Amino acid sequence: MTVADRCDRCGAQAYVRVQLPSGELFFCAHHARAHSEAFSSVATHVQDETDRLLAEHGAGSAARG
């Protein structure tokens, strides 16, 4: 996924792509967690790149400011 892929719920950068029989949805990490129960039973494939968040932003980077 690229920085151009945006969450279908809020527009933030998407880190999860959910492929469905009729198309696909993109989610930020927050909305992927919030909706995982709903899409997990119907998804044909889930591409989860949320581990990139730690690599890109580092642990505790917000605290260092």
N, C-alpha and C. Protein backbone atom coordinates (compact mmCIF):
# COMPACT_ATOMS: atom_id res chain seq x y z
N MET A 1 0.84 -1.17 0.00
CA MET A 1 0.00 0.00 0.00
C MET A 1 0.89 1.24 0.00
N THR A 2 0.33 2.34 -0.47
CA THR A 2 1.09 3.58 -0.53
C THR A 2 0.42 4.66 0.31
N VAL A 3 1.10 5.77 0.43
CA VAL A 3 0.55 6.91 1.18
C VAL A 3 -0.72 7.45 0.51
N ALA A 4 -0.92 7.15 -0.74
CA ALA A 4 -2.13 7.60 -1.46
C ALA A 4 -3.36 6.78 -1.08
N ASP A 5 -3.18 5.59 -0.50
CA ASP A 5 -4.31 4.77 -0.08
C ASP A 5 -4.86 5.34 1.22
N ARG A 6 -6.15 5.67 1.22
CA ARG A 6 -6.77 6.36 2.35
C ARG A 6 -7.89 5.51 2.96
N CYS A 7 -8.08 5.68 4.25
CA CYS A 7 -9.13 4.99 4.99
C CYS A 7 -10.50 5.40 4.45
N ASP A 8 -11.34 4.41 4.18
CA ASP A 8 -12.69 4.70 3.68
C ASP A 8 -13.60 5.28 4.75
N ARG A 9 -13.21 5.23 6.00
CA ARG A 9 -14.02 5.80 7.08
C ARG A 9 -13.64 7.24 7.41
N CYS A 10 -12.33 7.54 7.46
CA CYS A 10 -11.93 8.86 7.95
C CYS A 10 -10.94 9.59 7.05
N GLY A 11 -10.38 8.92 6.04
CA GLY A 11 -9.46 9.58 5.14
C GLY A 11 -8.00 9.56 5.57
N ALA A 12 -7.70 8.99 6.73
CA ALA A 12 -6.30 8.88 7.17
C ALA A 12 -5.58 7.86 6.29
N GLN A 13 -4.26 7.79 6.39
CA GLN A 13 -3.51 6.82 5.61
C GLN A 13 -3.96 5.41 5.96
N ALA A 14 -4.20 4.62 4.94
CA ALA A 14 -4.66 3.24 5.14
C ALA A 14 -3.48 2.31 5.33
N TYR A 15 -3.63 1.41 6.28
CA TYR A 15 -2.63 0.38 6.53
C TYR A 15 -3.23 -1.02 6.40
N VAL A 16 -4.53 -1.10 6.17
CA VAL A 16 -5.21 -2.38 6.03
C VAL A 16 -6.11 -2.33 4.79
N ARG A 17 -5.92 -3.33 3.91
CA ARG A 17 -6.76 -3.47 2.72
C ARG A 17 -7.56 -4.75 2.90
N VAL A 18 -8.88 -4.63 2.80
CA VAL A 18 -9.77 -5.77 2.95
C VAL A 18 -10.39 -6.06 1.59
N GLN A 19 -10.07 -7.23 1.06
CA GLN A 19 -10.65 -7.63 -0.21
C GLN A 19 -11.91 -8.43 0.06
N LEU A 20 -12.98 -8.02 -0.60
CA LEU A 20 -14.28 -8.64 -0.46
C LEU A 20 -14.68 -9.26 -1.79
N PRO A 21 -15.67 -10.14 -1.82
CA PRO A 21 -16.10 -10.70 -3.09
C PRO A 21 -16.56 -9.63 -4.09
N SER A 22 -17.00 -8.49 -3.59
CA SER A 22 -17.54 -7.45 -4.47
C SER A 22 -16.68 -6.20 -4.56
N GLY A 23 -15.46 -6.22 -4.06
CA GLY A 23 -14.60 -5.03 -4.10
C GLY A 23 -13.61 -5.05 -2.97
N GLU A 24 -13.17 -3.86 -2.57
CA GLU A 24 -12.21 -3.77 -1.47
C GLU A 24 -12.46 -2.52 -0.65
N LEU A 25 -12.01 -2.58 0.60
CA LEU A 25 -12.10 -1.46 1.52
C LEU A 25 -10.71 -1.19 2.07
N PHE A 26 -10.44 0.06 2.40
CA PHE A 26 -9.19 0.46 3.02
C PHE A 26 -9.50 1.05 4.38
N PHE A 27 -8.65 0.72 5.38
CA PHE A 27 -8.84 1.23 6.72
C PHE A 27 -7.53 1.71 7.32
N CYS A 28 -7.59 2.75 8.13
CA CYS A 28 -6.47 3.11 8.99
C CYS A 28 -6.41 2.05 10.08
N ALA A 29 -5.36 2.04 10.87
CA ALA A 29 -5.22 1.03 11.92
C ALA A 29 -6.39 1.08 12.91
N HIS A 30 -6.80 2.29 13.29
CA HIS A 30 -7.89 2.45 14.26
C HIS A 30 -9.19 1.84 13.74
N HIS A 31 -9.58 2.19 12.52
CA HIS A 31 -10.85 1.69 11.99
C HIS A 31 -10.76 0.21 11.62
N ALA A 32 -9.59 -0.29 11.27
CA ALA A 32 -9.43 -1.72 11.02
C ALA A 32 -9.71 -2.50 12.30
N ARG A 33 -9.17 -2.02 13.43
CA ARG A 33 -9.45 -2.69 14.72
C ARG A 33 -10.93 -2.58 15.06
N ALA A 34 -11.50 -1.42 14.84
CA ALA A 34 -12.90 -1.20 15.21
C ALA A 34 -13.87 -2.06 14.39
N HIS A 35 -13.53 -2.36 13.15
CA HIS A 35 -14.45 -3.07 12.27
C HIS A 35 -14.00 -4.49 11.92
N SER A 36 -12.92 -4.96 12.54
CA SER A 36 -12.37 -6.27 12.16
C SER A 36 -13.36 -7.42 12.35
N GLU A 37 -14.16 -7.37 13.37
CA GLU A 37 -15.13 -8.43 13.60
C GLU A 37 -16.14 -8.51 12.46
N ALA A 38 -16.54 -7.36 11.95
CA ALA A 38 -17.53 -7.32 10.87
C ALA A 38 -16.96 -7.80 9.54
N PHE A 39 -15.73 -7.42 9.22
CA PHE A 39 -15.22 -7.80 7.90
C PHE A 39 -14.50 -9.14 7.88
N SER A 40 -14.06 -9.64 9.01
CA SER A 40 -13.27 -10.87 9.01
C SER A 40 -14.05 -12.08 8.49
N SER A 41 -15.35 -12.10 8.68
CA SER A 41 -16.14 -13.25 8.25
C SER A 41 -16.49 -13.21 6.76
N VAL A 42 -16.36 -12.05 6.11
CA VAL A 42 -16.72 -11.93 4.70
C VAL A 42 -15.53 -11.63 3.79
N ALA A 43 -14.39 -11.29 4.36
CA ALA A 43 -13.22 -10.93 3.56
C ALA A 43 -12.63 -12.15 2.86
N THR A 44 -12.19 -11.94 1.62
CA THR A 44 -11.49 -13.00 0.92
C THR A 44 -9.99 -12.93 1.19
N HIS A 45 -9.51 -11.74 1.55
CA HIS A 45 -8.10 -11.55 1.91
C HIS A 45 -7.98 -10.24 2.69
N VAL A 46 -7.10 -10.22 3.68
CA VAL A 46 -6.82 -9.01 4.45
C VAL A 46 -5.32 -8.76 4.39
N GLN A 47 -4.95 -7.59 3.87
CA GLN A 47 -3.54 -7.17 3.82
C GLN A 47 -3.34 -6.18 4.96
N ASP A 48 -2.64 -6.59 5.99
CA ASP A 48 -2.45 -5.78 7.18
C ASP A 48 -1.00 -5.30 7.25
N GLU A 49 -0.79 -4.02 7.09
CA GLU A 49 0.55 -3.44 7.15
C GLU A 49 0.69 -2.50 8.35
N THR A 50 -0.09 -2.75 9.42
CA THR A 50 -0.03 -1.87 10.59
C THR A 50 1.33 -1.94 11.28
N ASP A 51 2.10 -3.00 11.04
CA ASP A 51 3.44 -3.06 11.63
C ASP A 51 4.35 -1.95 11.09
N ARG A 52 4.00 -1.39 9.94
CA ARG A 52 4.77 -0.27 9.39
C ARG A 52 4.67 0.98 10.27
N LEU A 53 3.62 1.10 11.04
CA LEU A 53 3.45 2.27 11.91
C LEU A 53 4.62 2.40 12.88
N LEU A 54 5.01 1.30 13.50
CA LEU A 54 6.12 1.31 14.44
C LEU A 54 7.42 1.62 13.71
N ALA A 55 7.62 1.02 12.55
CA ALA A 55 8.85 1.25 11.78
C ALA A 55 8.94 2.70 11.30
N GLU A 56 7.80 3.28 10.90
CA GLU A 56 7.78 4.63 10.36
C GLU A 56 7.85 5.70 11.43
N HIS A 57 7.21 5.45 12.57
CA HIS A 57 7.07 6.48 13.58
C HIS A 57 7.83 6.18 14.87
N GLY A 58 8.28 4.95 15.02
CA GLY A 58 9.05 4.58 16.21
C GLY A 58 8.22 4.52 17.46
N ALA A 59 8.68 3.74 18.39
CA ALA A 59 7.99 3.60 19.67
C ALA A 59 8.20 4.87 20.49
N GLY A 60 7.10 5.44 20.94
CA GLY A 60 7.19 6.61 21.81
C GLY A 60 7.60 7.90 21.12
N SER A 61 7.51 7.98 19.80
CA SER A 61 7.92 9.19 19.11
C SER A 61 7.07 10.38 19.48
N ALA A 62 5.80 10.15 19.79
CA ALA A 62 4.94 11.26 20.18
C ALA A 62 5.36 11.82 21.54
N ALA A 63 5.84 10.97 22.41
CA ALA A 63 6.26 11.42 23.73
C ALA A 63 7.53 12.27 23.68
N ARG A 64 8.37 12.02 22.68
CA ARG A 64 9.61 12.80 22.56
C ARG A 64 9.35 14.18 22.00
N GLY A 65 8.23 14.30 21.23
CA GLY A 65 7.79 15.58 20.68
C GLY A 65 8.79 16.30 19.93
